[in-house]
Amino acid sequence: MLDVGMEMELLYGAENNAPMEFLQLPIPKKPKKARRRRARSEYQKDAANQRERRRMHDLHQSFEALRQLVPVMPFEKRLSRLELLRVAADYITFLRNLLKE
């Protein structure tokens, strides 16, 4: 086992505590490999687009249903999705506290 003095001497050299030259060399970086893209047929692209459209349609319908359930003042502007989720969470907390009383 090395003591601290010997360890420092190995790391920094014996004279003037100057770092050894090999410690100052830059570490070479590994070249990045190019990713291979899988060829997709037109059928696969169309099917993926259709699934995404259906997903977005379902998400939109879910937010519209939630808008109908959350009480808001009629003069307020239409709530964004984020605002709607925050109001819904607050409303759920309010109802939970109401039930506890």
PDB file of N, CA and C in Angstrom:
ATOM      1  N   MET A   1       0.850  -1.175   0.000  1.00  0.00           N
ATOM      2  CA  MET A   1       0.000   0.000   0.000  1.00  0.00           C
ATOM      3  C   MET A   1       0.893   1.235   0.000  1.00  0.00           C
ATOM      4  N   LEU A   2       0.520   2.232  -0.811  1.00  0.00           N
ATOM      5  CA  LEU A   2       1.309   3.449  -0.927  1.00  0.00           C
ATOM      6  C   LEU A   2       0.886   4.448   0.139  1.00  0.00           C
ATOM      7  N   ASP A   3       1.886   5.159   0.687  1.00  0.00           N
ATOM      8  CA  ASP A   3       1.512   6.235   1.597  1.00  0.00           C
ATOM      9  C   ASP A   3       1.212   7.488   0.765  1.00  0.00           C
ATOM     10  N   VAL A   4       0.705   8.513   1.390  1.00  0.00           N
ATOM     11  CA  VAL A   4       0.275   9.719   0.694  1.00  0.00           C
ATOM     12  C   VAL A   4       1.436  10.383  -0.035  1.00  0.00           C
ATOM     13  N   GLY A   5       2.613  10.408   0.565  1.00  0.00           N
ATOM     14  CA  GLY A   5       3.775  11.039  -0.064  1.00  0.00           C
ATOM     15  C   GLY A   5       4.177  10.344  -1.349  1.00  0.00           C
ATOM     16  N   MET A   6       4.207   9.025  -1.329  1.00  0.00           N
ATOM     17  CA  MET A   6       4.576   8.281  -2.537  1.00  0.00           C
ATOM     18  C   MET A   6       3.509   8.441  -3.622  1.00  0.00           C
ATOM     19  N   GLU A   7       2.259   8.466  -3.200  1.00  0.00           N
ATOM     20  CA  GLU A   7       1.165   8.625  -4.154  1.00  0.00           C
ATOM     21  C   GLU A   7       1.255   9.995  -4.835  1.00  0.00           C
ATOM     22  N   MET A   8       1.540  11.036  -4.066  1.00  0.00           N
ATOM     23  CA  MET A   8       1.678  12.383  -4.624  1.00  0.00           C
ATOM     24  C   MET A   8       2.865  12.437  -5.577  1.00  0.00           C
ATOM     25  N   GLU A   9       3.961  11.749  -5.208  1.00  0.00           N
ATOM     26  CA  GLU A   9       5.141  11.748  -6.050  1.00  0.00           C
ATOM     27  C   GLU A   9       4.858  11.051  -7.377  1.00  0.00           C
ATOM     28  N   LEU A  10       4.068   9.970  -7.343  1.00  0.00           N
ATOM     29  CA  LEU A  10       3.723   9.287  -8.585  1.00  0.00           C
ATOM     30  C   LEU A  10       2.813  10.147  -9.457  1.00  0.00           C
ATOM     31  N   LEU A  11       1.886  10.841  -8.823  1.00  0.00           N
ATOM     32  CA  LEU A  11       0.947  11.659  -9.585  1.00  0.00           C
ATOM     33  C   LEU A  11       1.578  12.936 -10.115  1.00  0.00           C
ATOM     34  N   TYR A  12       2.363  13.608  -9.291  1.00  0.00           N
ATOM     35  CA  TYR A  12       2.860  14.932  -9.649  1.00  0.00           C
ATOM     36  C   TYR A  12       4.346  14.980  -9.973  1.00  0.00           C
ATOM     37  N   GLY A  13       5.049  13.916  -9.801  1.00  0.00           N
ATOM     38  CA  GLY A  13       6.486  13.921 -10.056  1.00  0.00           C
ATOM     39  C   GLY A  13       7.236  14.355  -8.813  1.00  0.00           C
ATOM     40  N   ALA A  14       8.513  14.100  -8.799  1.00  0.00           N
ATOM     41  CA  ALA A  14       9.312  14.346  -7.610  1.00  0.00           C
ATOM     42  C   ALA A  14       9.705  15.806  -7.470  1.00  0.00           C
ATOM     43  N   GLU A  15       9.846  16.525  -8.560  1.00  0.00           N
ATOM     44  CA  GLU A  15      10.362  17.883  -8.485  1.00  0.00           C
ATOM     45  C   GLU A  15       9.247  18.918  -8.597  1.00  0.00           C
ATOM     46  N   ASN A  16       9.206  19.840  -7.707  1.00  0.00           N
ATOM     47  CA  ASN A  16       8.328  21.017  -7.719  1.00  0.00           C
ATOM     48  C   ASN A  16       6.833  20.678  -7.789  1.00  0.00           C
ATOM     49  N   ASN A  17       6.476  19.486  -7.466  1.00  0.00           N
ATOM     50  CA  ASN A  17       5.078  19.044  -7.541  1.00  0.00           C
ATOM     51  C   ASN A  17       4.435  19.379  -8.881  1.00  0.00           C
ATOM     52  N   ALA A  18       5.235  19.339  -9.956  1.00  0.00           N
ATOM     53  CA  ALA A  18       4.708  19.632 -11.291  1.00  0.00           C
ATOM     54  C   ALA A  18       4.016  18.383 -11.829  1.00  0.00           C
ATOM     55  N   PRO A  19       2.852  18.528 -12.414  1.00  0.00           N
ATOM     56  CA  PRO A  19       2.158  17.361 -12.957  1.00  0.00           C
ATOM     57  C   PRO A  19       2.969  16.730 -14.070  1.00  0.00           C
ATOM     58  N   MET A  20       2.890  15.430 -14.164  1.00  0.00           N
ATOM     59  CA  MET A  20       3.619  14.731 -15.217  1.00  0.00           C
ATOM     60  C   MET A  20       2.904  14.983 -16.545  1.00  0.00           C
ATOM     61  N   GLU A  21       3.647  14.939 -17.631  1.00  0.00           N
ATOM     62  CA  GLU A  21       3.103  15.289 -18.925  1.00  0.00           C
ATOM     63  C   GLU A  21       2.008  14.340 -19.385  1.00  0.00           C
ATOM     64  N   PHE A  22       2.105  13.075 -19.031  1.00  0.00           N
ATOM     65  CA  PHE A  22       1.116  12.125 -19.520  1.00  0.00           C
ATOM     66  C   PHE A  22      -0.261  12.393 -18.905  1.00  0.00           C
ATOM     67  N   LEU A  23      -0.333  13.090 -17.795  1.00  0.00           N
ATOM     68  CA  LEU A  23      -1.615  13.402 -17.189  1.00  0.00           C
ATOM     69  C   LEU A  23      -2.318  14.544 -17.904  1.00  0.00           C
ATOM     70  N   GLN A  24      -1.588  15.313 -18.691  1.00  0.00           N
ATOM     71  CA  GLN A  24      -2.158  16.471 -19.349  1.00  0.00           C
ATOM     72  C   GLN A  24      -2.636  16.177 -20.768  1.00  0.00           C
ATOM     73  N   LEU A  25      -2.438  14.973 -21.251  1.00  0.00           N
ATOM     74  CA  LEU A  25      -2.860  14.649 -22.610  1.00  0.00           C
ATOM     75  C   LEU A  25      -4.376  14.535 -22.667  1.00  0.00           C
ATOM     76  N   PRO A  26      -4.999  15.023 -23.729  1.00  0.00           N
ATOM     77  CA  PRO A  26      -6.454  14.899 -23.842  1.00  0.00           C
ATOM     78  C   PRO A  26      -6.865  13.451 -24.088  1.00  0.00           C
ATOM     79  N   ILE A  27      -8.005  13.112 -23.573  1.00  0.00           N
ATOM     80  CA  ILE A  27      -8.516  11.762 -23.749  1.00  0.00           C
ATOM     81  C   ILE A  27      -9.232  11.710 -25.093  1.00  0.00           C
ATOM     82  N   PRO A  28      -8.827  10.791 -25.970  1.00  0.00           N
ATOM     83  CA  PRO A  28      -9.483  10.732 -27.288  1.00  0.00           C
ATOM     84  C   PRO A  28     -10.925  10.258 -27.143  1.00  0.00           C
ATOM     85  N   LYS A  29     -11.816  10.850 -27.946  1.00  0.00           N
ATOM     86  CA  LYS A  29     -13.225  10.479 -27.919  1.00  0.00           C
ATOM     87  C   LYS A  29     -13.488   9.382 -28.939  1.00  0.00           C
ATOM     88  N   LYS A  30     -14.423   8.514 -28.595  1.00  0.00           N
ATOM     89  CA  LYS A  30     -14.787   7.447 -29.509  1.00  0.00           C
ATOM     90  C   LYS A  30     -15.655   8.029 -30.619  1.00  0.00           C
ATOM     91  N   PRO A  31     -15.419   7.609 -31.828  1.00  0.00           N
ATOM     92  CA  PRO A  31     -16.280   8.108 -32.914  1.00  0.00           C
ATOM     93  C   PRO A  31     -17.691   7.540 -32.753  1.00  0.00           C
ATOM     94  N   LYS A  32     -18.692   8.372 -33.075  1.00  0.00           N
ATOM     95  CA  LYS A  32     -20.076   7.928 -32.952  1.00  0.00           C
ATOM     96  C   LYS A  32     -20.432   7.054 -34.150  1.00  0.00           C
ATOM     97  N   LYS A  33     -21.175   6.002 -33.843  1.00  0.00           N
ATOM     98  CA  LYS A  33     -21.632   5.126 -34.905  1.00  0.00           C
ATOM     99  C   LYS A  33     -22.877   5.719 -35.539  1.00  0.00           C
ATOM    100  N   ALA A  34     -22.966   5.604 -36.833  1.00  0.00           N
ATOM    101  CA  ALA A  34     -24.154   6.088 -37.534  1.00  0.00           C
ATOM    102  C   ALA A  34     -25.295   5.106 -37.274  1.00  0.00           C
ATOM    103  N   ARG A  35     -26.456   5.654 -36.919  1.00  0.00           N
ATOM    104  CA  ARG A  35     -27.611   4.796 -36.680  1.00  0.00           C
ATOM    105  C   ARG A  35     -28.195   4.345 -38.011  1.00  0.00           C
ATOM    106  N   ARG A  36     -28.581   3.103 -38.006  1.00  0.00           N
ATOM    107  CA  ARG A  36     -29.234   2.583 -39.208  1.00  0.00           C
ATOM    108  C   ARG A  36     -30.723   2.797 -39.072  1.00  0.00           C
ATOM    109  N   ARG A  37     -31.317   3.388 -40.061  1.00  0.00           N
ATOM    110  CA  ARG A  37     -32.760   3.586 -40.066  1.00  0.00           C
ATOM    111  C   ARG A  37     -33.408   2.424 -40.785  1.00  0.00           C
ATOM    112  N   ARG A  38     -34.461   1.955 -40.164  1.00  0.00           N
ATOM    113  CA  ARG A  38     -35.185   0.853 -40.763  1.00  0.00           C
ATOM    114  C   ARG A  38     -36.107   1.399 -41.857  1.00  0.00           C
ATOM    115  N   ALA A  39     -36.071   0.778 -42.984  1.00  0.00           N
ATOM    116  CA  ALA A  39     -36.916   1.218 -44.092  1.00  0.00           C
ATOM    117  C   ALA A  39     -38.370   0.908 -43.750  1.00  0.00           C
ATOM    118  N   ARG A  40     -39.247   1.916 -43.930  1.00  0.00           N
ATOM    119  CA  ARG A  40     -40.659   1.733 -43.637  1.00  0.00           C
ATOM    120  C   ARG A  40     -41.449   1.834 -44.936  1.00  0.00           C
ATOM    121  N   SER A  41     -42.361   0.950 -45.073  1.00  0.00           N
ATOM    122  CA  SER A  41     -43.191   0.978 -46.269  1.00  0.00           C
ATOM    123  C   SER A  41     -44.244   2.075 -46.129  1.00  0.00           C
ATOM    124  N   GLU A  42     -44.858   2.426 -47.233  1.00  0.00           N
ATOM    125  CA  GLU A  42     -45.926   3.421 -47.223  1.00  0.00           C
ATOM    126  C   GLU A  42     -47.092   2.935 -46.371  1.00  0.00           C
ATOM    127  N   TYR A  43     -47.353   1.631 -46.413  1.00  0.00           N
ATOM    128  CA  TYR A  43     -48.440   1.065 -45.613  1.00  0.00           C
ATOM    129  C   TYR A  43     -48.171   1.271 -44.123  1.00  0.00           C
ATOM    130  N   GLN A  44     -46.930   1.040 -43.699  1.00  0.00           N
ATOM    131  CA  GLN A  44     -46.577   1.217 -42.287  1.00  0.00           C
ATOM    132  C   GLN A  44     -46.698   2.677 -41.884  1.00  0.00           C
ATOM    133  N   LYS A  45     -46.275   3.595 -42.748  1.00  0.00           N
ATOM    134  CA  LYS A  45     -46.384   5.025 -42.451  1.00  0.00           C
ATOM    135  C   LYS A  45     -47.845   5.442 -42.321  1.00  0.00           C
ATOM    136  N   ASP A  46     -48.674   4.974 -43.257  1.00  0.00           N
ATOM    137  CA  ASP A  46     -50.095   5.307 -43.210  1.00  0.00           C
ATOM    138  C   ASP A  46     -50.751   4.743 -41.949  1.00  0.00           C
ATOM    139  N   ALA A  47     -50.384   3.525 -41.592  1.00  0.00           N
ATOM    140  CA  ALA A  47     -50.958   2.907 -40.396  1.00  0.00           C
ATOM    141  C   ALA A  47     -50.535   3.670 -39.142  1.00  0.00           C
ATOM    142  N   ALA A  48     -49.267   4.085 -39.070  1.00  0.00           N
ATOM    143  CA  ALA A  48     -48.785   4.851 -37.921  1.00  0.00           C
ATOM    144  C   ALA A  48     -49.467   6.211 -37.848  1.00  0.00           C
ATOM    145  N   ASN A  49     -49.652   6.858 -38.995  1.00  0.00           N
ATOM    146  CA  ASN A  49     -50.348   8.150 -39.024  1.00  0.00           C
ATOM    147  C   ASN A  49     -51.793   8.007 -38.580  1.00  0.00           C
ATOM    148  N   GLN A  50     -52.441   6.938 -39.012  1.00  0.00           N
ATOM    149  CA  GLN A  50     -53.827   6.702 -38.621  1.00  0.00           C
ATOM    150  C   GLN A  50     -53.932   6.453 -37.113  1.00  0.00           C
ATOM    151  N   ARG A  51     -53.006   5.681 -36.560  1.00  0.00           N
ATOM    152  CA  ARG A  51     -53.008   5.436 -35.104  1.00  0.00           C
ATOM    153  C   ARG A  51     -52.805   6.739 -34.343  1.00  0.00           C
ATOM    154  N   GLU A  52     -51.899   7.585 -34.833  1.00  0.00           N
ATOM    155  CA  GLU A  52     -51.639   8.864 -34.165  1.00  0.00           C
ATOM    156  C   GLU A  52     -52.850   9.782 -34.245  1.00  0.00           C
ATOM    157  N   ARG A  53     -53.512   9.823 -35.399  1.00  0.00           N
ATOM    158  CA  ARG A  53     -54.730  10.633 -35.532  1.00  0.00           C
ATOM    159  C   ARG A  53     -55.819  10.147 -34.580  1.00  0.00           C
ATOM    160  N   ARG A  54     -55.982   8.841 -34.480  1.00  0.00           N
ATOM    161  CA  ARG A  54     -56.985   8.277 -33.584  1.00  0.00           C
ATOM    162  C   ARG A  54     -56.632   8.606 -32.125  1.00  0.00           C
ATOM    163  N   ARG A  55     -55.366   8.492 -31.778  1.00  0.00           N
ATOM    164  CA  ARG A  55     -54.924   8.802 -30.414  1.00  0.00           C
ATOM    165  C   ARG A  55     -55.212  10.263 -30.074  1.00  0.00           C
ATOM    166  N   MET A  56     -54.869  11.172 -30.988  1.00  0.00           N
ATOM    167  CA  MET A  56     -55.115  12.598 -30.742  1.00  0.00           C
ATOM    168  C   MET A  56     -56.610  12.906 -30.681  1.00  0.00           C
ATOM    169  N   HIS A  57     -57.399  12.235 -31.509  1.00  0.00           N
ATOM    170  CA  HIS A  57     -58.847  12.434 -31.478  1.00  0.00           C
ATOM    171  C   HIS A  57     -59.419  11.987 -30.126  1.00  0.00           C
ATOM    172  N   ASP A  58     -58.977  10.817 -29.656  1.00  0.00           N
ATOM    173  CA  ASP A  58     -59.435  10.319 -28.356  1.00  0.00           C
ATOM    174  C   ASP A  58     -59.012  11.251 -27.222  1.00  0.00           C
ATOM    175  N   LEU A  59     -57.796  11.750 -27.299  1.00  0.00           N
ATOM    176  CA  LEU A  59     -57.314  12.676 -26.282  1.00  0.00           C
ATOM    177  C   LEU A  59     -58.141  13.958 -26.290  1.00  0.00           C
ATOM    178  N   HIS A  60     -58.440  14.469 -27.457  1.00  0.00           N
ATOM    179  CA  HIS A  60     -59.250  15.678 -27.588  1.00  0.00           C
ATOM    180  C   HIS A  60     -60.648  15.452 -27.006  1.00  0.00           C
ATOM    181  N   GLN A  61     -61.251  14.321 -27.320  1.00  0.00           N
ATOM    182  CA  GLN A  61     -62.581  14.013 -26.789  1.00  0.00           C
ATOM    183  C   GLN A  61     -62.550  13.905 -25.264  1.00  0.00           C
ATOM    184  N   SER A  62     -61.497  13.338 -24.720  1.00  0.00           N
ATOM    185  CA  SER A  62     -61.379  13.203 -23.268  1.00  0.00           C
ATOM    186  C   SER A  62     -61.282  14.568 -22.596  1.00  0.00           C
ATOM    187  N   PHE A  63     -60.526  15.470 -23.180  1.00  0.00           N
ATOM    188  CA  PHE A  63     -60.421  16.815 -22.613  1.00  0.00           C
ATOM    189  C   PHE A  63     -61.752  17.560 -22.724  1.00  0.00           C
ATOM    190  N   GLU A  64     -62.470  17.368 -23.820  1.00  0.00           N
ATOM    191  CA  GLU A  64     -63.771  18.017 -23.966  1.00  0.00           C
ATOM    192  C   GLU A  64     -64.754  17.489 -22.920  1.00  0.00           C
ATOM    193  N   ALA A  65     -64.712  16.184 -22.651  1.00  0.00           N
ATOM    194  CA  ALA A  65     -65.588  15.611 -21.622  1.00  0.00           C
ATOM    195  C   ALA A  65     -65.225  16.167 -20.245  1.00  0.00           C
ATOM    196  N   LEU A  66     -63.935  16.313 -19.978  1.00  0.00           N
ATOM    197  CA  LEU A  66     -63.495  16.868 -18.704  1.00  0.00           C
ATOM    198  C   LEU A  66     -63.927  18.328 -18.577  1.00  0.00           C
ATOM    199  N   ARG A  67     -63.878  19.085 -19.679  1.00  0.00           N
ATOM    200  CA  ARG A  67     -64.321  20.486 -19.655  1.00  0.00           C
ATOM    201  C   ARG A  67     -65.787  20.600 -19.240  1.00  0.00           C
ATOM    202  N   GLN A  68     -66.596  19.610 -19.642  1.00  0.00           N
ATOM    203  CA  GLN A  68     -68.013  19.629 -19.282  1.00  0.00           C
ATOM    204  C   GLN A  68     -68.235  19.343 -17.799  1.00  0.00           C
ATOM    205  N   LEU A  69     -67.308  18.639 -17.155  1.00  0.00           N
ATOM    206  CA  LEU A  69     -67.470  18.234 -15.762  1.00  0.00           C
ATOM    207  C   LEU A  69     -66.909  19.240 -14.763  1.00  0.00           C
ATOM    208  N   VAL A  70     -65.924  20.012 -15.182  1.00  0.00           N
ATOM    209  CA  VAL A  70     -65.261  20.947 -14.272  1.00  0.00           C
ATOM    210  C   VAL A  70     -66.011  22.278 -14.285  1.00  0.00           C
ATOM    211  N   PRO A  71     -66.413  22.763 -13.089  1.00  0.00           N
ATOM    212  CA  PRO A  71     -67.137  24.040 -13.062  1.00  0.00           C
ATOM    213  C   PRO A  71     -66.185  25.226 -13.276  1.00  0.00           C
ATOM    214  N   VAL A  72     -66.535  26.071 -14.239  1.00  0.00           N
ATOM    215  CA  VAL A  72     -65.790  27.313 -14.484  1.00  0.00           C
ATOM    216  C   VAL A  72     -66.818  28.420 -14.687  1.00  0.00           C
ATOM    217  N   MET A  73     -66.386  29.632 -14.502  1.00  0.00           N
ATOM    218  CA  MET A  73     -67.266  30.774 -14.703  1.00  0.00           C
ATOM    219  C   MET A  73     -67.540  30.938 -16.201  1.00  0.00           C
ATOM    220  N   PRO A  74     -68.768  31.259 -16.586  1.00  0.00           N
ATOM    221  CA  PRO A  74     -69.093  31.334 -18.024  1.00  0.00           C
ATOM    222  C   PRO A  74     -68.369  32.452 -18.768  1.00  0.00           C
ATOM    223  N   PHE A  75     -67.946  33.495 -18.076  1.00  0.00           N
ATOM    224  CA  PHE A  75     -67.287  34.599 -18.766  1.00  0.00           C
ATOM    225  C   PHE A  75     -65.794  34.361 -18.965  1.00  0.00           C
ATOM    226  N   GLU A  76     -65.269  33.283 -18.387  1.00  0.00           N
ATOM    227  CA  GLU A  76     -63.835  32.996 -18.552  1.00  0.00           C
ATOM    228  C   GLU A  76     -63.555  32.475 -19.953  1.00  0.00           C
ATOM    229  N   LYS A  77     -62.341  32.692 -20.374  1.00  0.00           N
ATOM    230  CA  LYS A  77     -61.939  32.167 -21.671  1.00  0.00           C
ATOM    231  C   LYS A  77     -61.816  30.646 -21.578  1.00  0.00           C
ATOM    232  N   ARG A  78     -61.770  30.016 -22.709  1.00  0.00           N
ATOM    233  CA  ARG A  78     -61.631  28.558 -22.749  1.00  0.00           C
ATOM    234  C   ARG A  78     -60.284  28.183 -22.144  1.00  0.00           C
ATOM    235  N   LEU A  79     -60.304  27.233 -21.215  1.00  0.00           N
ATOM    236  CA  LEU A  79     -59.085  26.848 -20.515  1.00  0.00           C
ATOM    237  C   LEU A  79     -58.186  25.997 -21.409  1.00  0.00           C
ATOM    238  N   SER A  80     -56.893  26.195 -21.270  1.00  0.00           N
ATOM    239  CA  SER A  80     -55.938  25.339 -21.976  1.00  0.00           C
ATOM    240  C   SER A  80     -55.934  23.975 -21.298  1.00  0.00           C
ATOM    241  N   ARG A  81     -55.276  23.025 -21.909  1.00  0.00           N
ATOM    242  CA  ARG A  81     -55.230  21.678 -21.325  1.00  0.00           C
ATOM    243  C   ARG A  81     -54.566  21.682 -19.956  1.00  0.00           C
ATOM    244  N   LEU A  82     -53.481  22.412 -19.847  1.00  0.00           N
ATOM    245  CA  LEU A  82     -52.768  22.478 -18.573  1.00  0.00           C
ATOM    246  C   LEU A  82     -53.634  23.150 -17.509  1.00  0.00           C
ATOM    247  N   GLU A  83     -54.249  24.270 -17.858  1.00  0.00           N
ATOM    248  CA  GLU A  83     -55.122  24.954 -16.903  1.00  0.00           C
ATOM    249  C   GLU A  83     -56.291  24.061 -16.508  1.00  0.00           C
ATOM    250  N   LEU A  84     -56.851  23.349 -17.480  1.00  0.00           N
ATOM    251  CA  LEU A  84     -57.970  22.450 -17.210  1.00  0.00           C
ATOM    252  C   LEU A  84     -57.565  21.349 -16.230  1.00  0.00           C
ATOM    253  N   LEU A  85     -56.398  20.786 -16.409  1.00  0.00           N
ATOM    254  CA  LEU A  85     -55.927  19.739 -15.493  1.00  0.00           C
ATOM    255  C   LEU A  85     -55.712  20.292 -14.089  1.00  0.00           C
ATOM    256  N   ARG A  86     -55.176  21.499 -13.999  1.00  0.00           N
ATOM    257  CA  ARG A  86     -54.973  22.111 -12.677  1.00  0.00           C
ATOM    258  C   ARG A  86     -56.300  22.399 -11.986  1.00  0.00           C
ATOM    259  N   VAL A  87     -57.274  22.943 -12.736  1.00  0.00           N
ATOM    260  CA  VAL A  87     -58.587  23.226 -12.167  1.00  0.00           C
ATOM    261  C   VAL A  87     -59.262  21.924 -11.744  1.00  0.00           C
ATOM    262  N   ALA A  88     -59.143  20.881 -12.560  1.00  0.00           N
ATOM    263  CA  ALA A  88     -59.748  19.587 -12.229  1.00  0.00           C
ATOM    264  C   ALA A  88     -59.130  19.014 -10.950  1.00  0.00           C
ATOM    265  N   ALA A  89     -57.817  19.126 -10.802  1.00  0.00           N
ATOM    266  CA  ALA A  89     -57.156  18.629  -9.594  1.00  0.00           C
ATOM    267  C   ALA A  89     -57.623  19.411  -8.368  1.00  0.00           C
ATOM    268  N   ASP A  90     -57.741  20.716  -8.493  1.00  0.00           N
ATOM    269  CA  ASP A  90     -58.237  21.545  -7.389  1.00  0.00           C
ATOM    270  C   ASP A  90     -59.679  21.184  -7.046  1.00  0.00           C
ATOM    271  N   TYR A  91     -60.487  20.936  -8.065  1.00  0.00           N
ATOM    272  CA  TYR A  91     -61.892  20.584  -7.847  1.00  0.00           C
ATOM    273  C   TYR A  91     -62.011  19.231  -7.135  1.00  0.00           C
ATOM    274  N   ILE A  92     -61.193  18.280  -7.521  1.00  0.00           N
ATOM    275  CA  ILE A  92     -61.184  16.968  -6.861  1.00  0.00           C
ATOM    276  C   ILE A  92     -60.783  17.120  -5.404  1.00  0.00           C
ATOM    277  N   THR A  93     -59.777  17.943  -5.133  1.00  0.00           N
ATOM    278  CA  THR A  93     -59.354  18.192  -3.754  1.00  0.00           C
ATOM    279  C   THR A  93     -60.481  18.851  -2.963  1.00  0.00           C
ATOM    280  N   PHE A  94     -61.164  19.807  -3.563  1.00  0.00           N
ATOM    281  CA  PHE A  94     -62.292  20.469  -2.912  1.00  0.00           C
ATOM    282  C   PHE A  94     -63.382  19.452  -2.565  1.00  0.00           C
ATOM    283  N   LEU A  95     -63.742  18.597  -3.512  1.00  0.00           N
ATOM    284  CA  LEU A  95     -64.779  17.591  -3.263  1.00  0.00           C
ATOM    285  C   LEU A  95     -64.360  16.591  -2.191  1.00  0.00           C
ATOM    286  N   ARG A  96     -63.089  16.210  -2.199  1.00  0.00           N
ATOM    287  CA  ARG A  96     -62.586  15.278  -1.182  1.00  0.00           C
ATOM    288  C   ARG A  96     -62.700  15.910   0.207  1.00  0.00           C
ATOM    289  N   ASN A  97     -62.314  17.177   0.325  1.00  0.00           N
ATOM    290  CA  ASN A  97     -62.412  17.874   1.615  1.00  0.00           C
ATOM    291  C   ASN A  97     -63.870  18.044   2.040  1.00  0.00           C
ATOM    292  N   LEU A  98     -64.748  18.250   1.080  1.00  0.00           N
ATOM    293  CA  LEU A  98     -66.176  18.388   1.372  1.00  0.00           C
ATOM    294  C   LEU A  98     -66.755  17.088   1.937  1.00  0.00           C
ATOM    295  N   LEU A  99     -66.283  15.971   1.393  1.00  0.00           N
ATOM    296  CA  LEU A  99     -66.742  14.679   1.898  1.00  0.00           C
ATOM    297  C   LEU A  99     -66.219  14.364   3.297  1.00  0.00           C
ATOM    298  N   LYS A 100     -65.020  14.865   3.608  1.00  0.00           N
ATOM    299  CA  LYS A 100     -64.437  14.614   4.940  1.00  0.00           C
ATOM    300  C   LYS A 100     -65.207  15.332   6.044  1.00  0.00           C
ATOM    301  N   GLU A 101     -65.836  16.460   5.713  1.00  0.00           N
ATOM    302  CA  GLU A 101     -66.542  17.248   6.726  1.00  0.00           C
ATOM    303  C   GLU A 101     -67.848  16.636   7.142  1.00  0.00           C
TER     304      GLU A 101
END
